[in-house]
Amino acid sequence: MVVLTLALAAAGFALLVLALITGSVLWAWGCIVVCVIGAVLLLASALSVRRTPLESENDRGPRGRHAR
């Protein structure tokens, strides 16, 4: 999902450059829409990574001074 966000950021930048070159507001609105979609995907990706536990306490095995 991060790769898709990066691709959307590149497309948004390309639309921004195109809007500046042509002076068209339509391309600028396209840039805004693409960037908002990319930001939502990035936020969703960050929240999904935060929710998934790396490993539980019981999976690590015994710890301590006398653990073998």
PDB file of N, CA and C in Angstrom:
ATOM      1  N   MET A   1       0.821  -1.185   0.000  1.00  0.00           N
ATOM      2  CA  MET A   1       0.000   0.000   0.000  1.00  0.00           C
ATOM      3  C   MET A   1       0.873   1.261   0.000  1.00  0.00           C
ATOM      4  N   VAL A   2       2.047   1.141   0.561  1.00  0.00           N
ATOM      5  CA  VAL A   2       2.950   2.294   0.585  1.00  0.00           C
ATOM      6  C   VAL A   2       3.450   2.601  -0.824  1.00  0.00           C
ATOM      7  N   VAL A   3       3.647   1.556  -1.622  1.00  0.00           N
ATOM      8  CA  VAL A   3       4.094   1.771  -3.003  1.00  0.00           C
ATOM      9  C   VAL A   3       3.007   2.489  -3.795  1.00  0.00           C
ATOM     10  N   LEU A   4       1.754   2.126  -3.555  1.00  0.00           N
ATOM     11  CA  LEU A   4       0.643   2.808  -4.222  1.00  0.00           C
ATOM     12  C   LEU A   4       0.577   4.275  -3.793  1.00  0.00           C
ATOM     13  N   THR A   5       0.820   4.538  -2.526  1.00  0.00           N
ATOM     14  CA  THR A   5       0.843   5.923  -2.041  1.00  0.00           C
ATOM     15  C   THR A   5       1.970   6.711  -2.691  1.00  0.00           C
ATOM     16  N   LEU A   6       3.119   6.080  -2.849  1.00  0.00           N
ATOM     17  CA  LEU A   6       4.243   6.751  -3.504  1.00  0.00           C
ATOM     18  C   LEU A   6       3.938   7.040  -4.975  1.00  0.00           C
ATOM     19  N   ALA A   7       3.275   6.100  -5.630  1.00  0.00           N
ATOM     20  CA  ALA A   7       2.886   6.310  -7.030  1.00  0.00           C
ATOM     21  C   ALA A   7       1.864   7.447  -7.141  1.00  0.00           C
ATOM     22  N   LEU A   8       0.936   7.511  -6.197  1.00  0.00           N
ATOM     23  CA  LEU A   8      -0.034   8.612  -6.210  1.00  0.00           C
ATOM     24  C   LEU A   8       0.637   9.954  -5.946  1.00  0.00           C
ATOM     25  N   ALA A   9       1.649   9.970  -5.103  1.00  0.00           N
ATOM     26  CA  ALA A   9       2.383  11.214  -4.850  1.00  0.00           C
ATOM     27  C   ALA A   9       3.108  11.675  -6.113  1.00  0.00           C
ATOM     28  N   ALA A  10       3.692  10.733  -6.842  1.00  0.00           N
ATOM     29  CA  ALA A  10       4.367  11.085  -8.095  1.00  0.00           C
ATOM     30  C   ALA A  10       3.366  11.588  -9.129  1.00  0.00           C
ATOM     31  N   ALA A  11       2.201  10.943  -9.201  1.00  0.00           N
ATOM     32  CA  ALA A  11       1.166  11.395 -10.136  1.00  0.00           C
ATOM     33  C   ALA A  11       0.645  12.776  -9.740  1.00  0.00           C
ATOM     34  N   GLY A  12       0.500  13.009  -8.449  1.00  0.00           N
ATOM     35  CA  GLY A  12       0.072  14.322  -7.977  1.00  0.00           C
ATOM     36  C   GLY A  12       1.073  15.408  -8.312  1.00  0.00           C
ATOM     37  N   PHE A  13       2.354  15.085  -8.180  1.00  0.00           N
ATOM     38  CA  PHE A  13       3.383  16.053  -8.541  1.00  0.00           C
ATOM     39  C   PHE A  13       3.365  16.345 -10.034  1.00  0.00           C
ATOM     40  N   ALA A  14       3.174  15.301 -10.827  1.00  0.00           N
ATOM     41  CA  ALA A  14       3.101  15.496 -12.279  1.00  0.00           C
ATOM     42  C   ALA A  14       1.896  16.363 -12.647  1.00  0.00           C
ATOM     43  N   LEU A  15       0.769  16.130 -11.988  1.00  0.00           N
ATOM     44  CA  LEU A  15      -0.415  16.962 -12.246  1.00  0.00           C
ATOM     45  C   LEU A  15      -0.185  18.405 -11.808  1.00  0.00           C
ATOM     46  N   LEU A  16       0.548  18.600 -10.720  1.00  0.00           N
ATOM     47  CA  LEU A  16       0.850  19.953 -10.269  1.00  0.00           C
ATOM     48  C   LEU A  16       1.717  20.685 -11.287  1.00  0.00           C
ATOM     49  N   VAL A  17       2.733  20.012 -11.792  1.00  0.00           N
ATOM     50  CA  VAL A  17       3.599  20.623 -12.804  1.00  0.00           C
ATOM     51  C   VAL A  17       2.793  20.933 -14.059  1.00  0.00           C
ATOM     52  N   LEU A  18       1.937  20.001 -14.460  1.00  0.00           N
ATOM     53  CA  LEU A  18       1.097  20.219 -15.638  1.00  0.00           C
ATOM     54  C   LEU A  18       0.153  21.407 -15.426  1.00  0.00           C
ATOM     55  N   ALA A  19      -0.395  21.527 -14.223  1.00  0.00           N
ATOM     56  CA  ALA A  19      -1.282  22.652 -13.928  1.00  0.00           C
ATOM     57  C   ALA A  19      -0.532  23.977 -13.967  1.00  0.00           C
ATOM     58  N   LEU A  20       0.698  23.979 -13.487  1.00  0.00           N
ATOM     59  CA  LEU A  20       1.481  25.217 -13.509  1.00  0.00           C
ATOM     60  C   LEU A  20       1.906  25.600 -14.921  1.00  0.00           C
ATOM     61  N   ILE A  21       2.214  24.597 -15.735  1.00  0.00           N
ATOM     62  CA  ILE A  21       2.640  24.884 -17.103  1.00  0.00           C
ATOM     63  C   ILE A  21       1.477  25.387 -17.943  1.00  0.00           C
ATOM     64  N   THR A  22       0.328  24.722 -17.840  1.00  0.00           N
ATOM     65  CA  THR A  22      -0.812  25.082 -18.687  1.00  0.00           C
ATOM     66  C   THR A  22      -1.671  26.186 -18.091  1.00  0.00           C
ATOM     67  N   GLY A  23      -1.599  26.375 -16.794  1.00  0.00           N
ATOM     68  CA  GLY A  23      -2.432  27.388 -16.151  1.00  0.00           C
ATOM     69  C   GLY A  23      -3.875  26.945 -15.997  1.00  0.00           C
ATOM     70  N   SER A  24      -4.107  25.650 -16.061  1.00  0.00           N
ATOM     71  CA  SER A  24      -5.460  25.124 -15.980  1.00  0.00           C
ATOM     72  C   SER A  24      -5.800  24.737 -14.535  1.00  0.00           C
ATOM     73  N   VAL A  25      -6.959  25.172 -14.095  1.00  0.00           N
ATOM     74  CA  VAL A  25      -7.415  24.855 -12.747  1.00  0.00           C
ATOM     75  C   VAL A  25      -7.863  23.393 -12.658  1.00  0.00           C
ATOM     76  N   LEU A  26      -8.293  22.834 -13.766  1.00  0.00           N
ATOM     77  CA  LEU A  26      -8.741  21.444 -13.785  1.00  0.00           C
ATOM     78  C   LEU A  26      -7.612  20.496 -13.381  1.00  0.00           C
ATOM     79  N   TRP A  27      -6.412  20.725 -13.897  1.00  0.00           N
ATOM     80  CA  TRP A  27      -5.280  19.887 -13.517  1.00  0.00           C
ATOM     81  C   TRP A  27      -4.913  20.078 -12.049  1.00  0.00           C
ATOM     82  N   ALA A  28      -5.070  21.283 -11.548  1.00  0.00           N
ATOM     83  CA  ALA A  28      -4.776  21.547 -10.139  1.00  0.00           C
ATOM     84  C   ALA A  28      -5.758  20.802  -9.234  1.00  0.00           C
ATOM     85  N   TRP A  29      -7.037  20.786  -9.608  1.00  0.00           N
ATOM     86  CA  TRP A  29      -8.019  20.024  -8.828  1.00  0.00           C
ATOM     87  C   TRP A  29      -7.726  18.531  -8.904  1.00  0.00           C
ATOM     88  N   GLY A  30      -7.261  18.064 -10.048  1.00  0.00           N
ATOM     89  CA  GLY A  30      -6.857  16.663 -10.163  1.00  0.00           C
ATOM     90  C   GLY A  30      -5.704  16.337  -9.237  1.00  0.00           C
ATOM     91  N   CYS A  31      -4.766  17.265  -9.130  1.00  0.00           N
ATOM     92  CA  CYS A  31      -3.643  17.096  -8.210  1.00  0.00           C
ATOM     93  C   CYS A  31      -4.128  16.997  -6.769  1.00  0.00           C
ATOM     94  N   ILE A  32      -5.069  17.846  -6.396  1.00  0.00           N
ATOM     95  CA  ILE A  32      -5.605  17.837  -5.040  1.00  0.00           C
ATOM     96  C   ILE A  32      -6.315  16.528  -4.746  1.00  0.00           C
ATOM     97  N   VAL A  33      -7.108  16.057  -5.691  1.00  0.00           N
ATOM     98  CA  VAL A  33      -7.848  14.807  -5.490  1.00  0.00           C
ATOM     99  C   VAL A  33      -6.890  13.632  -5.340  1.00  0.00           C
ATOM    100  N   VAL A  34      -5.885  13.563  -6.194  1.00  0.00           N
ATOM    101  CA  VAL A  34      -4.918  12.464  -6.128  1.00  0.00           C
ATOM    102  C   VAL A  34      -4.136  12.505  -4.821  1.00  0.00           C
ATOM    103  N   CYS A  35      -3.755  13.682  -4.379  1.00  0.00           N
ATOM    104  CA  CYS A  35      -3.002  13.808  -3.135  1.00  0.00           C
ATOM    105  C   CYS A  35      -3.843  13.454  -1.914  1.00  0.00           C
ATOM    106  N   VAL A  36      -5.119  13.794  -1.925  1.00  0.00           N
ATOM    107  CA  VAL A  36      -6.000  13.431  -0.809  1.00  0.00           C
ATOM    108  C   VAL A  36      -6.187  11.913  -0.758  1.00  0.00           C
ATOM    109  N   ILE A  37      -6.350  11.279  -1.900  1.00  0.00           N
ATOM    110  CA  ILE A  37      -6.469   9.809  -1.935  1.00  0.00           C
ATOM    111  C   ILE A  37      -5.190   9.170  -1.414  1.00  0.00           C
ATOM    112  N   GLY A  38      -4.045   9.692  -1.804  1.00  0.00           N
ATOM    113  CA  GLY A  38      -2.770   9.172  -1.308  1.00  0.00           C
ATOM    114  C   GLY A  38      -2.617   9.352   0.191  1.00  0.00           C
ATOM    115  N   ALA A  39      -3.057  10.488   0.720  1.00  0.00           N
ATOM    116  CA  ALA A  39      -2.968  10.728   2.160  1.00  0.00           C
ATOM    117  C   ALA A  39      -3.874   9.774   2.933  1.00  0.00           C
ATOM    118  N   VAL A  40      -5.063   9.510   2.402  1.00  0.00           N
ATOM    119  CA  VAL A  40      -5.973   8.570   3.058  1.00  0.00           C
ATOM    120  C   VAL A  40      -5.387   7.160   3.053  1.00  0.00           C
ATOM    121  N   LEU A  41      -4.794   6.754   1.936  1.00  0.00           N
ATOM    122  CA  LEU A  41      -4.160   5.438   1.879  1.00  0.00           C
ATOM    123  C   LEU A  41      -2.976   5.335   2.837  1.00  0.00           C
ATOM    124  N   LEU A  42      -2.196   6.389   2.937  1.00  0.00           N
ATOM    125  CA  LEU A  42      -1.059   6.384   3.853  1.00  0.00           C
ATOM    126  C   LEU A  42      -1.529   6.301   5.301  1.00  0.00           C
ATOM    127  N   LEU A  43      -2.578   7.018   5.642  1.00  0.00           N
ATOM    128  CA  LEU A  43      -3.129   6.968   6.988  1.00  0.00           C
ATOM    129  C   LEU A  43      -3.694   5.588   7.295  1.00  0.00           C
ATOM    130  N   ALA A  44      -4.406   5.002   6.348  1.00  0.00           N
ATOM    131  CA  ALA A  44      -4.954   3.662   6.541  1.00  0.00           C
ATOM    132  C   ALA A  44      -3.842   2.638   6.706  1.00  0.00           C
ATOM    133  N   SER A  45      -2.779   2.786   5.947  1.00  0.00           N
ATOM    134  CA  SER A  45      -1.652   1.866   6.065  1.00  0.00           C
ATOM    135  C   SER A  45      -0.985   2.000   7.431  1.00  0.00           C
ATOM    136  N   ALA A  46      -0.796   3.210   7.884  1.00  0.00           N
ATOM    137  CA  ALA A  46      -0.155   3.429   9.184  1.00  0.00           C
ATOM    138  C   ALA A  46      -1.017   2.891  10.322  1.00  0.00           C
ATOM    139  N   LEU A  47      -2.320   3.072  10.230  1.00  0.00           N
ATOM    140  CA  LEU A  47      -3.198   2.562  11.279  1.00  0.00           C
ATOM    141  C   LEU A  47      -3.280   1.044  11.264  1.00  0.00           C
ATOM    142  N   SER A  48      -3.221   0.428  10.106  1.00  0.00           N
ATOM    143  CA  SER A  48      -3.286  -1.035  10.053  1.00  0.00           C
ATOM    144  C   SER A  48      -1.998  -1.664  10.579  1.00  0.00           C
ATOM    145  N   VAL A  49      -0.865  -1.028  10.353  1.00  0.00           N
ATOM    146  CA  VAL A  49       0.393  -1.539  10.887  1.00  0.00           C
ATOM    147  C   VAL A  49       0.414  -1.382  12.395  1.00  0.00           C
ATOM    148  N   ARG A  50      -0.161  -0.323  12.887  1.00  0.00           N
ATOM    149  CA  ARG A  50      -0.172  -0.074  14.324  1.00  0.00           C
ATOM    150  C   ARG A  50      -1.055  -1.072  15.062  1.00  0.00           C
ATOM    151  N   ARG A  51      -2.114  -1.542  14.425  1.00  0.00           N
ATOM    152  CA  ARG A  51      -3.040  -2.476  15.077  1.00  0.00           C
ATOM    153  C   ARG A  51      -2.523  -3.901  15.143  1.00  0.00           C
ATOM    154  N   THR A  52      -1.721  -4.322  14.183  1.00  0.00           N
ATOM    155  CA  THR A  52      -1.254  -5.705  14.162  1.00  0.00           C
ATOM    156  C   THR A  52      -0.108  -5.879  15.145  1.00  0.00           C
ATOM    157  N   PRO A  53      -0.259  -6.804  16.096  1.00  0.00           N
ATOM    158  CA  PRO A  53       0.820  -7.018  17.068  1.00  0.00           C
ATOM    159  C   PRO A  53       1.973  -7.764  16.416  1.00  0.00           C
ATOM    160  N   LEU A  54       3.172  -7.417  16.810  1.00  0.00           N
ATOM    161  CA  LEU A  54       4.345  -8.073  16.254  1.00  0.00           C
ATOM    162  C   LEU A  54       4.439  -9.508  16.742  1.00  0.00           C
ATOM    163  N   GLU A  55       4.362  -9.702  18.035  1.00  0.00           N
ATOM    164  CA  GLU A  55       4.320 -11.031  18.616  1.00  0.00           C
ATOM    165  C   GLU A  55       3.741 -10.911  20.009  1.00  0.00           C
ATOM    166  N   SER A  56       3.071 -11.950  20.445  1.00  0.00           N
ATOM    167  CA  SER A  56       2.441 -11.880  21.755  1.00  0.00           C
ATOM    168  C   SER A  56       3.455 -12.250  22.833  1.00  0.00           C
ATOM    169  N   GLU A  57       3.066 -12.027  24.064  1.00  0.00           N
ATOM    170  CA  GLU A  57       3.955 -12.309  25.192  1.00  0.00           C
ATOM    171  C   GLU A  57       4.219 -13.803  25.325  1.00  0.00           C
ATOM    172  N   ASN A  58       3.228 -14.649  25.033  1.00  0.00           N
ATOM    173  CA  ASN A  58       3.378 -16.090  25.211  1.00  0.00           C
ATOM    174  C   ASN A  58       4.246 -16.722  24.128  1.00  0.00           C
ATOM    175  N   ASP A  59       4.387 -16.101  22.988  1.00  0.00           N
ATOM    176  CA  ASP A  59       5.161 -16.681  21.901  1.00  0.00           C
ATOM    177  C   ASP A  59       6.667 -16.519  22.101  1.00  0.00           C
ATOM    178  N   ARG A  60       7.062 -15.648  22.967  1.00  0.00           N
ATOM    179  CA  ARG A  60       8.487 -15.397  23.139  1.00  0.00           C
ATOM    180  C   ARG A  60       9.185 -16.494  23.927  1.00  0.00           C
ATOM    181  N   GLY A  61       8.447 -17.198  24.732  1.00  0.00           N
ATOM    182  CA  GLY A  61       9.050 -18.229  25.553  1.00  0.00           C
ATOM    183  C   GLY A  61       9.467 -17.662  26.894  1.00  0.00           C
ATOM    184  N   PRO A  62      10.005 -18.516  27.727  1.00  0.00           N
ATOM    185  CA  PRO A  62      10.375 -18.044  29.070  1.00  0.00           C
ATOM    186  C   PRO A  62      11.577 -17.110  29.018  1.00  0.00           C
ATOM    187  N   ARG A  63      11.499 -16.117  29.864  1.00  0.00           N
ATOM    188  CA  ARG A  63      12.616 -15.200  30.001  1.00  0.00           C
ATOM    189  C   ARG A  63      12.996 -15.130  31.463  1.00  0.00           C
ATOM    190  N   GLY A  64      14.149 -14.701  31.702  1.00  0.00           N
ATOM    191  CA  GLY A  64      14.575 -14.518  33.086  1.00  0.00           C
ATOM    192  C   GLY A  64      15.942 -15.131  33.317  1.00  0.00           C
ATOM    193  N   ARG A  65      16.311 -15.138  34.553  1.00  0.00           N
ATOM    194  CA  ARG A  65      17.655 -15.589  34.904  1.00  0.00           C
ATOM    195  C   ARG A  65      17.832 -17.088  34.756  1.00  0.00           C
ATOM    196  N   HIS A  66      16.774 -17.842  35.073  1.00  0.00           N
ATOM    197  CA  HIS A  66      16.896 -19.302  35.077  1.00  0.00           C
ATOM    198  C   HIS A  66      16.314 -19.943  33.827  1.00  0.00           C
ATOM    199  N   ALA A  67      15.954 -19.192  32.839  1.00  0.00           N
ATOM    200  CA  ALA A  67      15.399 -19.767  31.610  1.00  0.00           C
ATOM    201  C   ALA A  67      16.493 -20.387  30.785  1.00  0.00           C
ATOM    202  N   ARG A  68      16.201 -21.548  30.222  1.00  0.00           N
ATOM    203  CA  ARG A  68      17.201 -22.238  29.405  1.00  0.00           C
ATOM    204  C   ARG A  68      16.771 -22.299  27.989  1.00  0.00           C
TER     205      ARG A  68
END
